[in-house]
N, C-alpha and C. Protein backbone atom coordinates (compact mmCIF):
# COMPACT_ATOMS: atom_id res chain seq x y z
N UNK A 1 81.66 -166.28 45.60
CA UNK A 1 82.02 -166.46 46.79
C UNK A 1 81.14 -165.64 47.90
N UNK A 2 81.38 -166.31 48.73
CA UNK A 2 80.98 -166.49 50.03
C UNK A 2 81.78 -164.81 51.33
N UNK A 3 80.79 -163.58 51.23
CA UNK A 3 81.59 -162.92 51.99
C UNK A 3 80.72 -162.49 53.40
N UNK A 4 81.19 -161.97 54.10
CA UNK A 4 79.71 -161.85 56.00
C UNK A 4 78.73 -160.54 55.28
N UNK A 5 78.86 -160.03 53.49
CA UNK A 5 77.08 -159.33 53.36
C UNK A 5 76.83 -159.94 52.50
N UNK A 6 77.16 -160.25 51.12
CA UNK A 6 76.66 -161.40 50.08
C UNK A 6 77.83 -162.39 49.50
N UNK A 7 77.03 -162.74 48.75
CA UNK A 7 76.84 -164.05 47.70
C UNK A 7 77.48 -163.76 46.30
N UNK A 8 78.48 -163.87 46.17
CA UNK A 8 78.66 -163.71 44.43
C UNK A 8 79.35 -165.37 43.73
N UNK A 9 78.66 -165.36 42.80
CA UNK A 9 78.99 -166.06 42.13
C UNK A 9 80.19 -165.50 40.66
N UNK A 10 81.32 -166.75 40.68
CA UNK A 10 82.67 -166.07 39.91
C UNK A 10 82.34 -167.05 38.35
N UNK A 11 81.75 -166.77 37.55
CA UNK A 11 81.87 -167.82 36.26
C UNK A 11 82.68 -168.05 35.81
N UNK A 12 83.75 -166.91 35.72
CA UNK A 12 84.70 -167.35 35.48
C UNK A 12 85.66 -167.91 36.54
N UNK A 13 85.41 -168.24 37.37
CA UNK A 13 86.11 -170.29 38.02
C UNK A 13 85.46 -170.63 37.96
N UNK A 14 84.73 -171.40 37.10
CA UNK A 14 83.93 -172.99 37.11
C UNK A 14 85.08 -174.21 36.45
N UNK A 15 86.21 -174.15 36.93
CA UNK A 15 86.88 -175.14 37.46
C UNK A 15 87.61 -175.11 38.18
N UNK A 16 88.02 -176.29 39.07
CA UNK A 16 88.39 -176.27 40.44
C UNK A 16 89.70 -175.69 40.88
N UNK A 17 90.63 -176.33 39.20
CA UNK A 17 92.44 -176.17 39.29
C UNK A 17 92.62 -174.18 39.32
N UNK A 18 92.21 -173.82 38.52
CA UNK A 18 91.52 -172.82 38.06
C UNK A 18 91.34 -171.58 39.55
N UNK A 19 90.05 -172.68 39.76
CA UNK A 19 89.76 -171.78 41.65
C UNK A 19 90.91 -171.27 42.25
N UNK A 20 91.80 -172.89 42.88
CA UNK A 20 92.30 -173.15 43.00
C UNK A 20 93.77 -172.18 43.81
N UNK A 21 93.62 -171.76 41.55
CA UNK A 21 94.75 -171.25 41.89
C UNK A 21 94.67 -169.49 42.13
N UNK A 22 92.82 -169.34 41.68
CA UNK A 22 92.76 -167.86 42.07
C UNK A 22 92.54 -168.11 43.69
N UNK A 23 91.67 -168.35 44.74
CA UNK A 23 91.99 -168.82 46.18
C UNK A 23 92.99 -168.06 46.65
N UNK A 24 94.38 -169.14 46.23
CA UNK A 24 96.04 -169.08 46.58
C UNK A 24 96.46 -167.36 46.06
N UNK A 25 95.95 -167.25 45.93
CA UNK A 25 95.82 -166.00 45.64
C UNK A 25 95.84 -164.75 46.20
N UNK A 26 94.27 -164.59 45.90
CA UNK A 26 93.91 -164.17 47.29
C UNK A 26 94.37 -164.04 48.39
N UNK A 27 94.36 -164.79 49.27
CA UNK A 27 94.23 -165.60 50.22
C UNK A 27 95.55 -164.58 50.69
N UNK A 28 96.57 -164.43 50.60
CA UNK A 28 97.20 -163.18 51.06
C UNK A 28 96.58 -162.14 51.53
N UNK A 29 96.76 -161.85 49.92
CA UNK A 29 95.78 -160.32 50.26
C UNK A 29 94.67 -160.27 51.10
N UNK A 30 93.37 -161.31 51.62
CA UNK A 30 92.39 -160.63 52.22
C UNK A 30 93.03 -160.86 53.53
N UNK A 31 94.16 -162.12 54.04
CA UNK A 31 94.67 -161.94 55.91
C UNK A 31 94.74 -160.66 55.67
N UNK A 32 95.78 -160.09 54.75
CA UNK A 32 96.76 -158.58 54.64
C UNK A 32 95.69 -157.53 55.07
N UNK A 33 94.34 -157.25 54.73
CA UNK A 33 93.77 -156.49 54.74
C UNK A 33 93.18 -156.64 55.84
N UNK A 34 92.00 -158.11 56.56
CA UNK A 34 91.51 -158.26 57.93
C UNK A 34 92.59 -158.90 58.93
N UNK A 35 93.35 -158.91 58.62
CA UNK A 35 93.95 -159.59 59.42
C UNK A 35 94.50 -161.16 59.93
N UNK A 36 94.94 -162.11 60.70
CA UNK A 36 94.70 -163.63 60.57
C UNK A 36 94.42 -163.12 62.78
N UNK A 37 93.07 -164.40 62.24
CA UNK A 37 93.12 -165.23 63.79
C UNK A 37 93.53 -166.07 63.96
N UNK A 38 93.26 -166.20 65.68
CA UNK A 38 95.11 -167.21 65.85
C UNK A 38 93.81 -168.61 66.06
N UNK A 39 93.98 -169.54 66.47
CA UNK A 39 93.15 -171.01 66.47
C UNK A 39 92.83 -170.44 68.59
N UNK A 40 93.33 -170.25 69.20
CA UNK A 40 93.21 -168.96 70.05
C UNK A 40 91.71 -168.02 70.28
N UNK A 41 91.98 -167.74 69.34
CA UNK A 41 91.00 -166.29 68.94
C UNK A 41 89.86 -166.73 68.48
N UNK A 42 89.40 -168.01 67.61
CA UNK A 42 89.22 -168.72 66.55
C UNK A 42 88.16 -169.53 67.29
N UNK A 43 88.44 -170.00 69.45
CA UNK A 43 87.62 -170.99 69.57
C UNK A 43 86.64 -169.89 70.77
N UNK A 44 87.70 -168.41 71.33
CA UNK A 44 87.00 -167.75 71.72
C UNK A 44 86.07 -166.88 71.16
N UNK A 45 86.40 -166.29 70.31
CA UNK A 45 84.73 -165.78 68.92
C UNK A 45 84.04 -166.93 69.38
N UNK A 46 84.01 -168.12 69.20
CA UNK A 46 83.23 -168.75 68.83
C UNK A 46 82.20 -169.24 69.86
N UNK A 47 83.46 -169.22 71.49
CA UNK A 47 82.00 -169.35 72.25
C UNK A 47 81.40 -167.94 72.42
N UNK A 48 82.25 -167.32 72.57
CA UNK A 48 80.68 -165.38 72.96
C UNK A 48 80.34 -166.45 71.84
N UNK A 49 79.93 -165.96 70.54
CA UNK A 49 79.01 -166.28 69.80
C UNK A 49 77.94 -167.41 69.28
N UNK A 50 78.12 -168.01 70.57
CA UNK A 50 77.74 -169.56 71.28
C UNK A 50 76.55 -169.23 72.63
N UNK A 51 77.18 -168.10 73.13
CA UNK A 51 76.72 -166.93 74.18
C UNK A 51 75.82 -166.27 73.81
N UNK A 52 76.27 -165.55 72.64
CA UNK A 52 75.29 -164.38 72.33
C UNK A 52 74.06 -165.29 72.15
N UNK A 53 74.12 -166.19 70.94
CA UNK A 53 72.40 -167.21 70.63
C UNK A 53 72.17 -167.45 71.36
N UNK A 54 72.41 -167.85 72.40
CA UNK A 54 71.22 -167.90 73.82
C UNK A 54 70.55 -166.42 74.18
N UNK A 55 71.13 -166.08 73.86
CA UNK A 55 70.38 -164.72 74.70
C UNK A 55 69.32 -164.02 73.40
N UNK A 56 67.82 -164.15 74.33
CA UNK A 56 67.00 -163.59 72.63
C UNK A 56 67.04 -161.94 72.56
N UNK A 57 67.74 -161.41 73.53
CA UNK A 57 67.66 -159.92 72.89
C UNK A 57 68.72 -159.15 72.16
N UNK A 58 69.41 -160.31 70.88
CA UNK A 58 70.00 -160.33 69.87
C UNK A 58 69.76 -160.98 68.92
N UNK A 59 68.52 -160.30 67.45
CA UNK A 59 69.12 -161.24 66.64
C UNK A 59 69.06 -161.51 65.71
N UNK A 60 68.97 -162.88 65.82
CA UNK A 60 69.49 -164.10 64.49
C UNK A 60 69.67 -163.36 62.76
N UNK A 61 71.11 -163.45 62.72
CA UNK A 61 71.21 -163.22 61.20
C UNK A 61 70.23 -163.79 60.44
N UNK A 62 70.01 -163.56 59.36
CA UNK A 62 69.02 -165.07 59.01
C UNK A 62 69.92 -165.69 57.40
N UNK A 63 69.51 -166.29 57.56
CA UNK A 63 70.25 -167.97 56.64
C UNK A 63 69.73 -167.88 55.05
N UNK A 64 71.68 -168.19 54.98
CA UNK A 64 71.06 -167.69 52.88
C UNK A 64 71.34 -168.97 52.39
N UNK A 65 70.50 -169.90 51.72
CA UNK A 65 70.82 -171.49 51.27
C UNK A 65 71.14 -171.33 49.70
N UNK A 66 72.23 -171.75 49.18
CA UNK A 66 72.63 -171.51 47.97
C UNK A 66 71.07 -172.79 47.23
N UNK A 67 71.43 -171.68 46.00
CA UNK A 67 70.18 -172.50 45.59
C UNK A 67 70.41 -173.16 44.77
N UNK A 68 69.13 -174.63 44.86
CA UNK A 68 69.51 -175.79 44.51
C UNK A 68 70.01 -175.85 42.73
N UNK A 69 70.60 -176.49 42.38
CA UNK A 69 71.15 -176.48 40.95
C UNK A 69 69.92 -177.05 39.75
N UNK A 70 69.66 -176.11 39.39
CA UNK A 70 69.19 -176.47 38.16
C UNK A 70 68.97 -177.96 37.20
N UNK A 71 67.23 -178.37 37.66
CA UNK A 71 67.45 -179.40 36.49
C UNK A 71 67.73 -179.77 35.03
N UNK A 72 67.96 -180.62 34.19
CA UNK A 72 67.63 -180.59 33.12
C UNK A 72 66.53 -180.54 32.01
N UNK A 73 66.21 -179.69 31.94
CA UNK A 73 64.77 -179.81 30.65
C UNK A 73 65.28 -180.03 29.31
N UNK A 74 63.93 -180.97 29.08
CA UNK A 74 64.39 -182.10 28.50
C UNK A 74 63.57 -180.97 26.34
N UNK A 75 62.60 -180.22 27.15
CA UNK A 75 61.53 -179.78 26.24
C UNK A 75 60.94 -179.71 25.67
N UNK A 76 59.83 -180.74 26.64
CA UNK A 76 59.03 -181.65 26.68
C UNK A 76 57.88 -180.10 25.47
N UNK A 77 58.01 -179.24 26.82
CA UNK A 77 56.56 -178.65 26.61
C UNK A 77 57.33 -177.71 25.50
N UNK A 78 57.71 -177.31 25.07
CA UNK A 78 58.05 -176.83 23.57
C UNK A 78 57.63 -177.33 22.51
N UNK A 79 57.94 -178.54 22.21
CA UNK A 79 58.15 -179.53 21.52
C UNK A 79 56.69 -179.81 21.01
N UNK A 80 55.32 -179.71 21.96
CA UNK A 80 53.96 -179.69 21.97
C UNK A 80 53.52 -178.71 21.71
N UNK A 81 54.28 -177.54 22.36
CA UNK A 81 53.61 -175.78 21.00
C UNK A 81 54.30 -176.06 19.59
N UNK A 82 55.23 -176.85 19.57
CA UNK A 82 55.31 -176.72 18.29
C UNK A 82 55.01 -177.96 17.23
N UNK A 83 54.39 -178.91 17.66
CA UNK A 83 52.96 -179.63 17.00
C UNK A 83 51.94 -178.94 16.64
N UNK A 84 51.58 -178.39 17.79
CA UNK A 84 50.78 -177.88 17.72
C UNK A 84 49.97 -176.61 16.86
N UNK A 85 51.77 -176.20 16.76
CA UNK A 85 51.93 -174.34 15.51
C UNK A 85 51.61 -175.96 14.23
N UNK A 86 52.23 -176.33 14.05
CA UNK A 86 52.51 -177.61 12.89
C UNK A 86 51.48 -177.34 12.33
N UNK A 87 49.99 -178.40 13.51
CA UNK A 87 49.21 -178.66 12.75
C UNK A 87 48.29 -178.03 12.59
N UNK A 88 48.20 -176.65 13.62
CA UNK A 88 47.07 -175.34 13.44
C UNK A 88 47.52 -174.71 11.99
N UNK A 89 48.96 -174.47 11.48
CA UNK A 89 49.43 -174.35 10.36
C UNK A 89 49.11 -174.87 9.18
N UNK A 90 48.90 -176.15 8.97
CA UNK A 90 49.17 -177.71 8.11
C UNK A 90 47.55 -177.31 7.76
N UNK A 91 46.93 -177.52 9.00
CA UNK A 91 45.46 -176.60 8.59
C UNK A 91 44.04 -175.83 8.53
N UNK A 92 44.99 -174.59 8.44
CA UNK A 92 45.14 -172.94 7.63
C UNK A 92 45.40 -173.33 6.38
N UNK A 93 46.72 -173.80 6.18
CA UNK A 93 46.86 -173.86 4.60
C UNK A 93 46.17 -174.23 4.09
N UNK A 94 45.40 -175.58 4.58
CA UNK A 94 44.35 -176.50 3.99
C UNK A 94 43.18 -175.73 4.09
N UNK A 95 42.40 -175.30 4.27
CA UNK A 95 41.77 -174.79 4.24
C UNK A 95 41.87 -173.33 3.74
N UNK A 96 42.59 -172.23 3.04
CA UNK A 96 43.14 -171.15 2.39
C UNK A 96 42.78 -172.11 0.82
N UNK A 97 44.04 -173.33 0.66
CA UNK A 97 43.79 -173.95 -0.32
C UNK A 97 42.25 -174.60 -1.23
N UNK A 98 41.53 -174.79 -0.11
CA UNK A 98 40.70 -175.39 -0.66
C UNK A 98 39.13 -174.74 -0.80
N UNK A 99 39.52 -173.54 -0.02
CA UNK A 99 38.36 -172.28 0.05
C UNK A 99 38.91 -171.34 -0.83
N UNK A 100 39.98 -170.96 -1.27
CA UNK A 100 40.98 -169.60 -1.28
C UNK A 100 40.93 -169.06 -0.10
N UNK A 101 41.04 -167.38 -0.40
CA UNK A 101 41.07 -166.73 1.02
C UNK A 101 40.09 -166.53 2.42
N UNK A 102 39.40 -167.08 2.24
CA UNK A 102 38.51 -167.25 3.64
C UNK A 102 37.34 -168.27 3.38
N UNK A 103 36.64 -168.85 4.38
CA UNK A 103 35.73 -169.17 4.15
C UNK A 103 34.66 -169.32 3.98
N UNK A 104 34.34 -168.03 4.87
CA UNK A 104 33.15 -167.27 5.16
C UNK A 104 32.57 -166.45 3.67
N UNK A 105 33.65 -165.91 2.73
CA UNK A 105 34.13 -165.68 1.78
C UNK A 105 33.15 -166.34 0.32
N UNK A 106 33.44 -167.47 -0.24
CA UNK A 106 33.13 -168.26 -0.59
C UNK A 106 31.63 -168.57 -0.23
N UNK A 107 31.38 -168.99 0.93
CA UNK A 107 30.05 -169.72 1.30
C UNK A 107 29.76 -168.21 0.69
N UNK A 108 30.04 -167.06 0.72
CA UNK A 108 28.68 -165.96 0.31
C UNK A 108 28.91 -166.25 -1.25
N UNK A 109 29.60 -166.35 -2.41
CA UNK A 109 29.13 -165.70 -3.53
C UNK A 109 28.98 -167.63 -3.77
N UNK A 110 29.11 -168.90 -3.11
CA UNK A 110 28.52 -170.19 -3.58
C UNK A 110 26.90 -169.83 -3.17
N UNK A 111 26.51 -168.91 -1.84
CA UNK A 111 24.77 -168.60 -2.01
C UNK A 111 24.61 -167.62 -3.03
N UNK A 112 24.91 -166.54 -3.28
CA UNK A 112 25.05 -165.63 -4.63
C UNK A 112 24.74 -165.95 -6.40
N UNK A 113 25.69 -167.47 -5.85
CA UNK A 113 25.83 -167.91 -7.48
C UNK A 113 24.14 -169.06 -7.98
N UNK A 114 23.85 -169.15 -6.57
CA UNK A 114 22.83 -170.40 -6.58
C UNK A 114 22.02 -169.55 -7.45
N UNK A 115 20.36 -169.97 -8.78
CA UNK A 115 19.20 -168.92 -8.29
C UNK A 115 18.48 -169.16 -7.70
């Protein structure tokens, strides 16, 4: 929902039918609170806004564009990281199984066992 002050996403209004139903309920309340402009008033305000925009004394309001929709993430980085961790863990298991708890401890034992 966009107002003059902010833009608020309403995740519960994710379907067009539901959004239209809610907006049809809100429009009369908004018109009651803010008032209704006639087409002549709208044209007059637009002309005033055009004149005000041409004068440099009035600072322009910042324009906020909605963010682009998110792209689908295929998970390639996570897949690569997963296989890297699996491979590292597999190599560690081989080292521990082959040499015991630590390769350095076993090498020291071998050196000590030699005459």
